[in-house]
Amino acid sequence: MTDRIAPCPDCEGTGFRIVAGPAGGSLARLCGCRRGAPGNDAGARRLQAARLPARHAACDFDSFHAWGDHALSLANARTVAERYAEEYPLSDRGLMLMGPPGVGKTHLAVAILRRLIEAKGVGGIFCDVQELLRQLQATFDQKSGMTQLELLQPVVASELVVLDDLGSRQFSPWVEETLAYIVTTRYNECRATIVTTNYLDQPPDARLPTLSDRIGLRVRSRLHEMCYLVPVEAADFRSSVKRADHHRITDRIDRPRGTA
């Protein structure tokens, strides 16, 4: 009979110590037993395993800027996201960042994932929902070399997962069934989920599809239980940058030679 390993006396095997917060609340800090020996590269390995997209790999809270007419909404979204990372795993729910394209939802989701990996030793992955569904469909071809369960295993089993761009795929019963399996499994296992979506529950134009139209009522209902809603309202930052770049290039072309 093998001897049972006693849990860490500081965290009782949870991996986190609950400490007093600056405003009288409670915060969860990574326990030394989970951090491992000083100088190890476990954090770097976890970041590499997180599948962060190259375009967003360096996103953090410091580089997220509240700007323009909707600065208050952006600042609030950043505060909620940063507080979630700071207090993790005290909450038993995740976050759903909901708003139009190009406002920084993916930036904030990656910032949460990076913070939890680097500061708290959490294992997590970034999942582009559109790409995941494409890969799952490819398994219908028996020559693909992977099964649907093999593709879905890290998405449902990781301690933390970012489901990016939810609703981007045209709705079908198969899409709803696949998403229902992912969110229900994570819900039942009490695993943290961060969601980003461009679709709203009540779009300003009644002709536009709602999030429920894109993912199904069953999945949307489950996400209500799983995640706190975080509205992210602003103009499309990417379009604004492109317009600004265009004006700068035009100015240089139109400017007479010899001017600065």
Protein backbone atom coordinates (compact mmCIF):
# COMPACT_ATOMS: atom_id res chain seq x y z
CA MET A 1 0.00 0.00 0.00
CA THR A 2 1.51 3.34 -1.07
CA ASP A 3 1.73 6.17 1.39
CA ARG A 4 -0.59 9.10 0.73
CA ILE A 5 1.13 12.43 0.22
CA ALA A 6 -0.06 14.96 2.78
CA PRO A 7 -1.50 18.16 1.29
CA CYS A 8 0.42 21.39 1.65
CA PRO A 9 -0.34 22.80 5.14
CA ASP A 10 -0.42 26.37 3.83
CA CYS A 11 -3.09 25.90 1.15
CA GLU A 12 -4.46 22.46 2.05
CA GLY A 13 -3.84 21.25 -1.48
CA THR A 14 -5.77 24.00 -3.30
CA GLY A 15 -2.66 25.75 -4.64
CA PHE A 16 -3.80 29.16 -3.32
CA ARG A 17 -3.60 31.00 -0.01
CA ILE A 18 -6.39 33.42 0.92
CA VAL A 19 -4.96 36.69 2.22
CA ALA A 20 -6.40 40.05 3.25
CA GLY A 21 -6.92 42.51 0.42
CA PRO A 22 -6.03 46.24 0.48
CA ALA A 23 -9.67 47.32 0.95
CA GLY A 24 -10.54 44.80 3.64
CA GLY A 25 -11.62 42.05 1.25
CA SER A 26 -9.91 38.77 0.44
CA LEU A 27 -7.43 37.87 -2.30
CA ALA A 28 -6.09 34.55 -3.54
CA ARG A 29 -2.31 34.29 -3.76
CA LEU A 30 -0.35 31.49 -5.44
CA CYS A 31 1.03 29.14 -2.81
CA GLY A 32 4.72 28.31 -2.82
CA CYS A 33 3.93 24.63 -3.36
CA ARG A 34 2.35 25.46 -6.72
CA ARG A 35 4.94 27.99 -7.81
CA GLY A 36 7.69 25.41 -7.55
CA ALA A 37 11.38 25.94 -7.02
CA PRO A 38 12.74 29.46 -7.54
CA GLY A 39 14.16 30.00 -11.01
CA ASN A 40 12.25 27.23 -12.77
CA ASP A 41 10.72 27.82 -16.19
CA ALA A 42 7.27 26.39 -15.47
CA GLY A 43 5.62 29.74 -16.20
CA ALA A 44 7.30 30.00 -19.60
CA ARG A 45 6.18 26.49 -20.44
CA ARG A 46 2.61 27.29 -19.42
CA LEU A 47 2.62 30.42 -21.59
CA GLN A 48 3.91 28.43 -24.53
CA ALA A 49 1.23 25.80 -24.00
CA ALA A 50 -1.51 28.47 -23.82
CA ARG A 51 -1.65 28.80 -27.63
CA LEU A 52 -1.71 32.60 -27.53
CA PRO A 53 -2.11 34.06 -31.04
CA ALA A 54 1.01 35.87 -32.22
CA ARG A 55 -0.86 39.15 -32.74
CA HIS A 56 -2.06 39.22 -29.13
CA ALA A 57 0.69 37.29 -27.34
CA ALA A 58 2.10 40.39 -25.60
CA CYS A 59 -1.25 41.90 -24.57
CA ASP A 60 -1.46 42.89 -20.92
CA PHE A 61 -3.43 45.29 -18.75
CA ASP A 62 -0.81 48.05 -18.95
CA SER A 63 -1.06 48.22 -22.75
CA PHE A 64 -4.87 48.42 -22.75
CA HIS A 65 -5.86 52.08 -23.09
CA ALA A 66 -9.26 53.66 -22.48
CA TRP A 67 -9.69 56.22 -25.25
CA GLY A 68 -12.24 58.24 -27.19
CA ASP A 69 -15.87 58.92 -26.40
CA HIS A 70 -16.28 55.55 -24.65
CA ALA A 71 -13.28 55.81 -22.36
CA LEU A 72 -15.41 55.16 -19.28
CA SER A 73 -16.78 51.87 -20.66
CA LEU A 74 -13.29 50.72 -21.65
CA ALA A 75 -11.82 51.68 -18.28
CA ASN A 76 -14.60 49.84 -16.48
CA ALA A 77 -14.04 46.71 -18.58
CA ARG A 78 -10.32 46.80 -17.80
CA THR A 79 -11.01 47.25 -14.06
CA VAL A 80 -13.41 44.30 -14.00
CA ALA A 81 -10.98 42.09 -15.93
CA GLU A 82 -8.01 43.03 -13.74
CA ARG A 83 -10.00 42.51 -10.55
CA TYR A 84 -11.10 39.10 -11.78
CA ALA A 85 -7.47 38.08 -12.33
CA GLU A 86 -6.47 39.51 -8.95
CA GLU A 87 -9.20 37.68 -7.03
CA TYR A 88 -9.07 34.39 -8.92
CA PRO A 89 -10.11 31.71 -7.93
CA LEU A 90 -12.50 33.22 -5.37
CA SER A 91 -15.30 33.59 -7.92
CA ASP A 92 -17.00 30.49 -9.26
CA ARG A 93 -17.93 32.28 -12.51
CA GLY A 94 -16.04 33.53 -15.54
CA LEU A 95 -16.45 36.64 -17.68
CA MET A 96 -18.19 37.34 -20.97
CA LEU A 97 -16.74 40.35 -22.77
CA MET A 98 -19.47 41.52 -25.14
CA GLY A 99 -19.25 44.35 -27.65
CA PRO A 100 -18.66 45.33 -31.28
CA PRO A 101 -15.52 44.28 -33.19
CA GLY A 102 -12.24 46.06 -32.60
CA VAL A 103 -12.84 47.41 -29.08
CA GLY A 104 -10.24 45.33 -27.20
CA LYS A 105 -12.17 42.30 -25.97
CA THR A 106 -9.53 39.81 -27.07
CA HIS A 107 -6.82 42.06 -25.61
CA LEU A 108 -8.45 41.93 -22.18
CA ALA A 109 -9.10 38.18 -22.38
CA VAL A 110 -5.45 37.51 -23.19
CA ALA A 111 -4.36 39.89 -20.42
CA ILE A 112 -6.38 37.86 -17.91
CA LEU A 113 -4.93 34.60 -19.19
CA ARG A 114 -1.35 35.92 -19.10
CA ARG A 115 -1.75 37.37 -15.60
CA LEU A 116 -3.13 34.11 -14.19
CA ILE A 117 -0.45 32.01 -15.87
CA GLU A 118 2.42 34.24 -14.79
CA ALA A 119 1.25 35.31 -11.33
CA LYS A 120 -0.78 32.35 -10.12
CA GLY A 121 0.55 29.36 -12.02
CA VAL A 122 -2.80 28.64 -13.65
CA GLY A 123 -2.89 26.31 -16.64
CA GLY A 124 -4.99 27.71 -19.46
CA ILE A 125 -5.40 27.94 -23.23
CA PHE A 126 -6.65 30.42 -25.82
CA CYS A 127 -9.24 28.98 -28.18
CA ASP A 128 -10.41 30.67 -31.38
CA VAL A 129 -13.91 29.20 -31.61
CA GLN A 130 -14.12 29.59 -35.38
CA GLU A 131 -10.84 27.71 -35.87
CA LEU A 132 -11.79 25.01 -33.36
CA LEU A 133 -15.06 24.31 -35.22
CA ARG A 134 -13.17 24.18 -38.51
CA GLN A 135 -10.74 21.63 -37.08
CA LEU A 136 -13.58 19.57 -35.65
CA GLN A 137 -15.27 19.45 -39.03
CA ALA A 138 -11.99 18.29 -40.57
CA THR A 139 -12.11 15.19 -38.36
CA PHE A 140 -15.09 14.00 -40.41
CA ASP A 141 -12.42 13.06 -42.94
CA GLN A 142 -10.94 9.86 -41.53
CA LYS A 143 -7.52 10.85 -42.94
CA SER A 144 -7.27 13.89 -40.65
CA GLY A 145 -5.41 11.91 -37.98
CA MET A 146 -7.26 13.36 -34.97
CA THR A 147 -10.60 12.66 -33.36
CA GLN A 148 -13.09 15.23 -32.11
CA LEU A 149 -12.51 14.11 -28.52
CA GLU A 150 -8.74 14.65 -28.87
CA LEU A 151 -9.33 18.19 -30.14
CA LEU A 152 -11.90 19.00 -27.48
CA GLN A 153 -10.04 17.52 -24.52
CA PRO A 154 -7.78 20.53 -23.74
CA VAL A 155 -10.70 22.93 -24.29
CA VAL A 156 -12.94 21.20 -21.75
CA ALA A 157 -10.21 20.07 -19.32
CA SER A 158 -7.96 23.16 -18.94
CA GLU A 159 -8.32 25.04 -15.67
CA LEU A 160 -8.96 28.24 -17.62
CA VAL A 161 -9.99 28.67 -21.26
CA VAL A 162 -10.59 31.74 -23.39
CA LEU A 163 -13.33 31.14 -25.96
CA ASP A 164 -12.63 33.93 -28.42
CA ASP A 165 -15.11 35.27 -30.99
CA LEU A 166 -18.05 33.15 -29.89
CA GLY A 167 -20.88 33.29 -32.41
CA SER A 168 -18.62 33.92 -35.41
CA ARG A 169 -19.70 30.64 -37.02
CA GLN A 170 -23.08 30.48 -38.73
CA PHE A 171 -25.58 28.70 -36.46
CA SER A 172 -26.46 25.06 -37.08
CA PRO A 173 -27.64 22.22 -34.82
CA TRP A 174 -24.12 20.76 -34.94
CA VAL A 175 -22.57 24.08 -33.84
CA GLU A 176 -25.05 24.35 -30.97
CA GLU A 177 -24.42 20.75 -29.88
CA THR A 178 -20.65 21.21 -29.95
CA LEU A 179 -20.74 24.48 -28.00
CA ALA A 180 -23.22 23.00 -25.52
CA TYR A 181 -20.83 20.12 -24.84
CA ILE A 182 -17.94 22.52 -24.17
CA VAL A 183 -19.75 24.98 -21.90
CA THR A 184 -21.79 22.36 -20.03
CA THR A 185 -18.72 20.23 -19.31
CA ARG A 186 -16.80 23.23 -18.03
CA TYR A 187 -19.81 24.36 -16.00
CA ASN A 188 -20.25 20.97 -14.36
CA GLU A 189 -16.54 20.76 -13.53
CA CYS A 190 -16.49 24.36 -12.15
CA ARG A 191 -13.74 25.44 -14.56
CA ALA A 192 -13.21 29.11 -15.35
CA THR A 193 -14.23 30.35 -18.81
CA ILE A 194 -13.56 33.73 -20.40
CA VAL A 195 -15.71 34.47 -23.46
CA THR A 196 -15.50 37.22 -26.07
CA THR A 197 -18.26 37.88 -28.59
CA ASN A 198 -19.25 40.54 -31.11
CA TYR A 199 -22.93 39.65 -30.80
CA LEU A 200 -25.28 41.30 -28.32
CA ASP A 201 -28.34 40.07 -26.49
CA GLN A 202 -30.24 43.15 -27.64
CA PRO A 203 -28.57 44.69 -30.71
CA PRO A 204 -29.43 48.32 -31.50
CA ASP A 205 -30.85 47.27 -34.86
CA ALA A 206 -33.63 44.67 -34.57
CA ARG A 207 -32.59 43.26 -37.93
CA LEU A 208 -29.21 42.17 -36.55
CA PRO A 209 -28.82 38.65 -35.09
CA THR A 210 -28.59 38.26 -31.34
CA LEU A 211 -26.05 36.10 -29.56
CA SER A 212 -28.78 33.50 -29.00
CA ASP A 213 -29.41 33.47 -32.75
CA ARG A 214 -25.76 32.59 -33.32
CA ILE A 215 -25.16 30.00 -30.59
CA GLY A 216 -28.63 28.80 -29.59
CA LEU A 217 -30.81 29.52 -26.57
CA ARG A 218 -29.50 26.53 -24.63
CA VAL A 219 -25.85 27.64 -24.80
CA ARG A 220 -26.70 31.29 -24.10
CA SER A 221 -28.71 30.27 -21.03
CA ARG A 222 -25.81 28.22 -19.69
CA LEU A 223 -23.41 31.12 -20.21
CA HIS A 224 -25.71 33.33 -18.12
CA GLU A 225 -24.99 30.98 -15.22
CA MET A 226 -21.28 30.63 -15.98
CA CYS A 227 -20.15 34.18 -16.68
CA TYR A 228 -20.55 37.75 -15.51
CA LEU A 229 -21.41 40.02 -18.44
CA VAL A 230 -18.88 42.78 -19.16
CA PRO A 231 -20.07 45.26 -21.82
CA VAL A 232 -17.23 46.75 -23.86
CA GLU A 233 -18.51 49.75 -25.82
CA ALA A 234 -16.33 51.85 -28.12
CA ALA A 235 -15.63 52.67 -31.73
CA ASP A 236 -13.64 50.11 -33.72
CA PHE A 237 -10.04 50.81 -32.67
CA ARG A 238 -8.57 48.96 -35.66
CA SER A 239 -10.57 51.05 -38.13
CA SER A 240 -9.57 54.24 -36.34
CA VAL A 241 -5.89 53.31 -36.54
CA LYS A 242 -6.21 52.50 -40.25
CA ARG A 243 -7.90 55.84 -40.90
CA ALA A 244 -5.22 57.67 -38.94
CA ASP A 245 -2.46 55.87 -40.87
CA HIS A 246 -4.21 56.69 -44.14
CA HIS A 247 -4.37 60.40 -43.25
CA ARG A 248 -0.70 60.44 -42.26
CA ILE A 249 0.31 58.79 -45.54
CA THR A 250 -1.91 61.17 -47.53
CA ASP A 251 -0.43 64.15 -45.69
CA ARG A 252 3.07 63.03 -46.60
CA ILE A 253 2.10 62.57 -50.24
CA ASP A 254 0.34 65.93 -50.49
CA ARG A 255 2.90 67.86 -48.46
CA PRO A 256 5.29 69.96 -50.61
CA ARG A 257 8.90 68.86 -50.64
CA GLY A 258 11.08 70.42 -48.02
CA THR A 259 8.36 70.66 -45.38
CA ALA A 260 8.60 68.67 -42.12
